[in-house]
Structures are given as C-alpha cells and as structure tokens.
Amino acid sequence: MTIKPSLLSVKSPVKLAGLFCILLFFSGCLTGKSPEEVTTLFWQALAQAQLENARKHVTEHSQHLVNLQDIEKHSTIQTGVAVIEDSDATVETTITRNKKLVTFNTVLLKEQDTWKVDYLQTQMNISMIPFGDVVKSLQNLGDTFAKQLEKQLPIIQKEMESLGNELKNQIDELGRSLEKPGNPNKSKAYPGTI
C-alpha cells in the first residue's frame, strides 16, 4: 500500500484522525487471519519445534497444554476448509503422527476478535482417533455379518419351514395316537373320582 506524500502533510486534526482510522481499519483487515491460516501456522510451528511460536496461535486457557508430542518433526500439514459457527470454527487437519497420516478436526475459538486454536478440544479430537478405527472395524464387521445373513436368509427360511412342518406332523401324530382306543397312556375314569 502506497501513501502519497501529499496525504502525509495533512495539517487538519479531523483529516488526520480520519486518515488514522482508515489506516487502522485496513491494517486490522490485513492482520486478521482465517481459521485455516491460523491452523496451518500453528501446526507448522509445532512441526518445526517452535513451541513458543505455536503457543501464540493458541487460546490462553490451553497454551500450557501445547507440546511437541502430537506431531512429528518436519511433518506435512494439510488443512481443509473451515466450518465456522459464530465464534467457533473447525478445520479438518491431516498430519504425520506415529509414522502415519492422521486426520482430525482442529478446533478454533475467537479470542479478542482473533482466531486461536483451542488446543484442549483439539487434543480430545486427536485422542479419539484410535476409537474411530475401532468403530470403523466394528461397523465393517457388522456390515459383513449383515451381508452374510442376507445371503443365508433364504436357506434359514426353508429350514424353519421344514422344521415347522416336521413339528406339526409330529404333533398331529401324537394327537392321533392319544385318540386310539386301548391306548395305555389314556387315563381311565373310575367311579367316584374327579
């Protein structure tokens, strides 16, 4: 941004105040970083082992939690598009952790009109990654079981019908054998008994 020399020689206090407000406004626009930019700067600082620089991008209440254990040195950082709701934002983040790529959401909050990483919530998201794998495995297992059951369902239905028919035949046969005269299983009524 270039300022003409004629503007610098403004002598009126009102014009000078107006110029100051305009410069202040534009400098605020230029320094305010998006959630994506803050996320990238934060994780890059950690990947370069610049702990104090990383803490500059973190909310006050979670700065003490920032450490170098959540990222490998010289990791690649990829960020997605921020999802912003009022003064909260999440940015999908992919980094190298334990020699493999992991994806999670970096959580950001507005602190004094500046986006900052909420490292406490972000750490919670990172800690849930192993459970996500377990849930996916269970879901895959359930899907496999459902497919196998679907394939076997016609056979099961035929077996159930066959079992039902066999049971009905045996009940009918038992009923006929109970009705035959002279059946020793049939109880005789004696006079004076109930």
Protein backbone atom coordinates (compact mmCIF):
# COMPACT_ATOMS: atom_id res chain seq x y z
CA MET A 1 0.00 0.00 0.00
CA THR A 2 1.50 3.34 -1.02
CA ILE A 3 0.61 6.60 0.61
CA LYS A 4 1.01 9.74 -1.45
CA PRO A 5 3.30 12.35 0.09
CA SER A 6 0.53 14.96 -0.13
CA LEU A 7 -1.56 12.88 2.31
CA LEU A 8 1.26 12.77 4.85
CA SER A 9 1.33 16.54 5.07
CA VAL A 10 -2.27 16.77 6.34
CA LYS A 11 -2.48 19.56 8.89
CA SER A 12 -6.14 19.38 9.88
CA PRO A 13 -6.72 17.30 13.06
CA VAL A 14 -10.02 15.99 11.70
CA LYS A 15 -8.44 14.81 8.45
CA LEU A 16 -5.52 13.34 10.39
CA ALA A 17 -7.89 11.43 12.69
CA GLY A 18 -9.89 10.19 9.70
CA LEU A 19 -6.70 9.03 7.95
CA PHE A 20 -5.59 7.27 11.14
CA CYS A 21 -8.95 5.45 11.39
CA ILE A 22 -8.75 4.33 7.77
CA LEU A 23 -5.18 3.06 8.22
CA LEU A 24 -6.15 1.30 11.44
CA PHE A 25 -9.11 -0.34 9.69
CA PHE A 26 -7.01 -1.58 6.77
CA SER A 27 -4.19 -2.79 8.99
CA GLY A 28 -6.74 -4.78 11.01
CA CYS A 29 -8.05 -6.37 7.84
CA LEU A 30 -4.57 -7.30 6.72
CA THR A 31 -3.50 -8.89 10.02
CA GLY A 32 -6.68 -10.87 10.84
CA LYS A 33 -6.01 -14.44 9.81
CA SER A 34 -8.59 -17.01 8.76
CA PRO A 35 -9.10 -20.21 10.79
CA GLU A 36 -7.33 -22.15 8.01
CA GLU A 37 -4.30 -19.84 8.16
CA VAL A 38 -4.11 -20.00 11.97
CA THR A 39 -4.39 -23.80 11.88
CA THR A 40 -1.59 -24.08 9.32
CA LEU A 41 0.67 -21.64 11.18
CA PHE A 42 0.11 -23.45 14.47
CA TRP A 43 0.86 -26.96 13.19
CA GLN A 44 3.80 -25.75 11.08
CA ALA A 45 5.34 -24.09 14.15
CA LEU A 46 4.98 -27.37 16.08
CA ALA A 47 6.45 -29.38 13.20
CA GLN A 48 9.45 -27.03 13.24
CA ALA A 49 9.75 -27.44 17.05
CA GLN A 50 8.96 -23.75 17.58
CA LEU A 51 6.93 -24.23 20.74
CA GLU A 52 6.66 -20.56 21.74
CA ASN A 53 5.65 -19.53 18.24
CA ALA A 54 2.98 -22.26 18.22
CA ARG A 55 1.60 -21.04 21.56
CA LYS A 56 0.99 -17.60 20.03
CA HIS A 57 -1.77 -19.21 17.94
CA VAL A 58 -3.47 -20.95 20.88
CA THR A 59 -6.19 -19.77 23.28
CA GLU A 60 -4.97 -18.53 26.65
CA HIS A 61 -6.62 -21.33 28.62
CA SER A 62 -4.94 -24.08 26.59
CA GLN A 63 -1.43 -22.69 25.94
CA HIS A 64 0.06 -24.75 28.78
CA LEU A 65 -1.02 -27.96 27.02
CA VAL A 66 0.93 -27.35 23.81
CA ASN A 67 3.76 -29.84 23.41
CA LEU A 68 5.77 -31.43 20.64
CA GLN A 69 4.42 -34.95 21.18
CA ASP A 70 1.33 -34.57 18.98
CA ILE A 71 3.30 -34.12 15.77
CA GLU A 72 6.48 -35.47 14.27
CA LYS A 73 9.23 -33.04 13.37
CA HIS A 74 9.04 -31.88 9.74
CA SER A 75 5.54 -33.33 9.30
CA THR A 76 3.43 -32.36 6.35
CA ILE A 77 0.33 -30.40 7.23
CA GLN A 78 -2.80 -30.31 5.13
CA THR A 79 -5.86 -28.33 6.08
CA GLY A 80 -9.36 -28.33 4.70
CA VAL A 81 -11.96 -25.59 4.60
CA ALA A 82 -13.07 -24.14 7.93
CA VAL A 83 -16.58 -24.69 9.20
CA ILE A 84 -17.46 -21.54 11.13
CA GLU A 85 -20.33 -21.13 13.59
CA ASP A 86 -20.36 -17.74 15.34
CA SER A 87 -17.13 -17.63 17.35
CA ASP A 88 -16.26 -21.33 16.89
CA ALA A 89 -14.58 -22.99 13.94
CA THR A 90 -13.24 -26.41 12.98
CA VAL A 91 -10.66 -27.13 10.32
CA GLU A 92 -10.07 -30.64 9.05
CA THR A 93 -6.35 -31.29 9.55
CA THR A 94 -4.08 -34.08 8.30
CA ILE A 95 -0.62 -34.52 9.82
CA THR A 96 2.01 -37.23 10.24
CA ARG A 97 1.74 -38.92 13.63
CA ASN A 98 3.50 -42.13 14.64
CA LYS A 99 4.73 -42.53 11.06
CA LYS A 100 1.24 -42.45 9.51
CA LEU A 101 -1.15 -39.80 8.30
CA VAL A 102 -3.97 -38.97 10.69
CA THR A 103 -6.95 -36.73 10.11
CA PHE A 104 -8.86 -34.87 12.82
CA ASN A 105 -10.54 -31.52 13.41
CA THR A 106 -8.53 -28.61 14.78
CA VAL A 107 -10.91 -26.52 16.91
CA LEU A 108 -10.60 -22.74 16.96
CA LEU A 109 -12.26 -20.02 19.04
CA LYS A 110 -12.39 -16.28 18.59
CA GLU A 111 -10.37 -14.64 21.33
CA GLN A 112 -10.36 -10.82 21.21
CA ASP A 113 -11.53 -10.94 17.57
CA THR A 114 -8.65 -13.22 16.57
CA TRP A 115 -8.93 -16.91 15.71
CA LYS A 116 -6.97 -19.09 18.14
CA VAL A 117 -6.58 -22.88 18.35
CA ASP A 118 -8.47 -24.42 21.27
CA TYR A 119 -5.76 -26.98 21.97
CA LEU A 120 -7.68 -28.74 24.73
CA GLN A 121 -10.58 -29.61 22.41
CA THR A 122 -8.18 -30.38 19.56
CA GLN A 123 -6.26 -32.82 21.79
CA MET A 124 -9.55 -34.52 22.65
CA ASN A 125 -10.22 -34.92 18.92
CA ILE A 126 -6.74 -36.40 18.43
CA SER A 127 -7.21 -38.83 21.34
CA MET A 128 -10.43 -40.14 19.76
CA ILE A 129 -8.62 -41.27 16.59
CA PRO A 130 -7.91 -44.84 17.81
CA PHE A 131 -11.54 -45.24 18.83
CA GLY A 132 -12.57 -44.13 15.37
CA ASP A 133 -10.62 -47.06 13.93
CA VAL A 134 -12.32 -49.45 16.37
CA VAL A 135 -15.75 -48.08 15.46
CA LYS A 136 -14.95 -48.44 11.75
CA SER A 137 -13.79 -52.03 12.31
CA LEU A 138 -16.96 -52.86 14.23
CA GLN A 139 -19.07 -51.23 11.54
CA ASN A 140 -17.27 -53.22 8.83
CA LEU A 141 -17.75 -56.41 10.85
CA GLY A 142 -21.45 -55.61 11.25
CA ASP A 143 -21.78 -54.92 7.52
CA THR A 144 -20.06 -58.24 6.69
CA PHE A 145 -22.32 -60.10 9.11
CA ALA A 146 -25.43 -58.43 7.65
CA LYS A 147 -24.37 -59.39 4.10
CA GLN A 148 -23.72 -63.00 5.12
CA LEU A 149 -27.04 -63.15 6.95
CA GLU A 150 -28.81 -61.73 3.91
CA LYS A 151 -27.26 -64.43 1.71
CA GLN A 152 -28.21 -67.18 4.19
CA LEU A 153 -31.74 -65.88 4.86
CA PRO A 154 -33.49 -67.95 2.13
CA ILE A 155 -31.81 -71.13 3.42
CA ILE A 156 -32.76 -70.27 7.00
CA GLN A 157 -36.37 -69.63 5.95
CA LYS A 158 -36.56 -73.02 4.18
CA GLU A 159 -35.08 -74.77 7.22
CA MET A 160 -37.56 -73.01 9.52
CA GLU A 161 -40.48 -74.03 7.28
CA SER A 162 -39.21 -77.61 7.18
CA LEU A 163 -38.80 -77.65 10.96
CA GLY A 164 -42.27 -76.19 11.38
CA ASN A 165 -43.82 -78.80 9.08
CA GLU A 166 -41.98 -81.64 10.84
CA LEU A 167 -43.10 -80.34 14.25
CA LYS A 168 -46.72 -80.06 13.01
CA ASN A 169 -46.60 -83.65 11.67
CA GLN A 170 -45.25 -84.95 14.99
CA ILE A 171 -47.95 -83.09 16.95
CA ASP A 172 -50.65 -84.46 14.63
CA GLU A 173 -49.24 -87.99 15.03
CA LEU A 174 -49.15 -87.60 18.81
CA GLY A 175 -52.75 -86.38 18.78
CA ARG A 176 -53.88 -89.38 16.68
CA SER A 177 -52.04 -91.84 18.93
CA LEU A 178 -53.73 -90.36 22.00
CA GLU A 179 -57.17 -90.77 20.40
CA LYS A 180 -56.74 -94.51 19.57
CA PRO A 181 -58.80 -96.88 21.77
CA GLY A 182 -56.92 -99.09 24.13
CA ASN A 183 -54.08 -96.63 24.41
CA PRO A 184 -52.29 -97.35 27.69
CA ASN A 185 -51.43 -93.69 28.02
CA LYS A 186 -55.07 -92.68 28.12
CA SER A 187 -56.30 -92.31 31.68
CA LYS A 188 -59.44 -94.18 32.73
CA ALA A 189 -62.01 -92.51 34.89
CA TYR A 190 -63.03 -94.55 37.91
CA PRO A 191 -66.37 -94.02 39.61
CA GLY A 192 -66.20 -91.61 42.49
CA THR A 193 -63.05 -89.83 41.20
CA ILE A 194 -62.92 -86.44 39.79
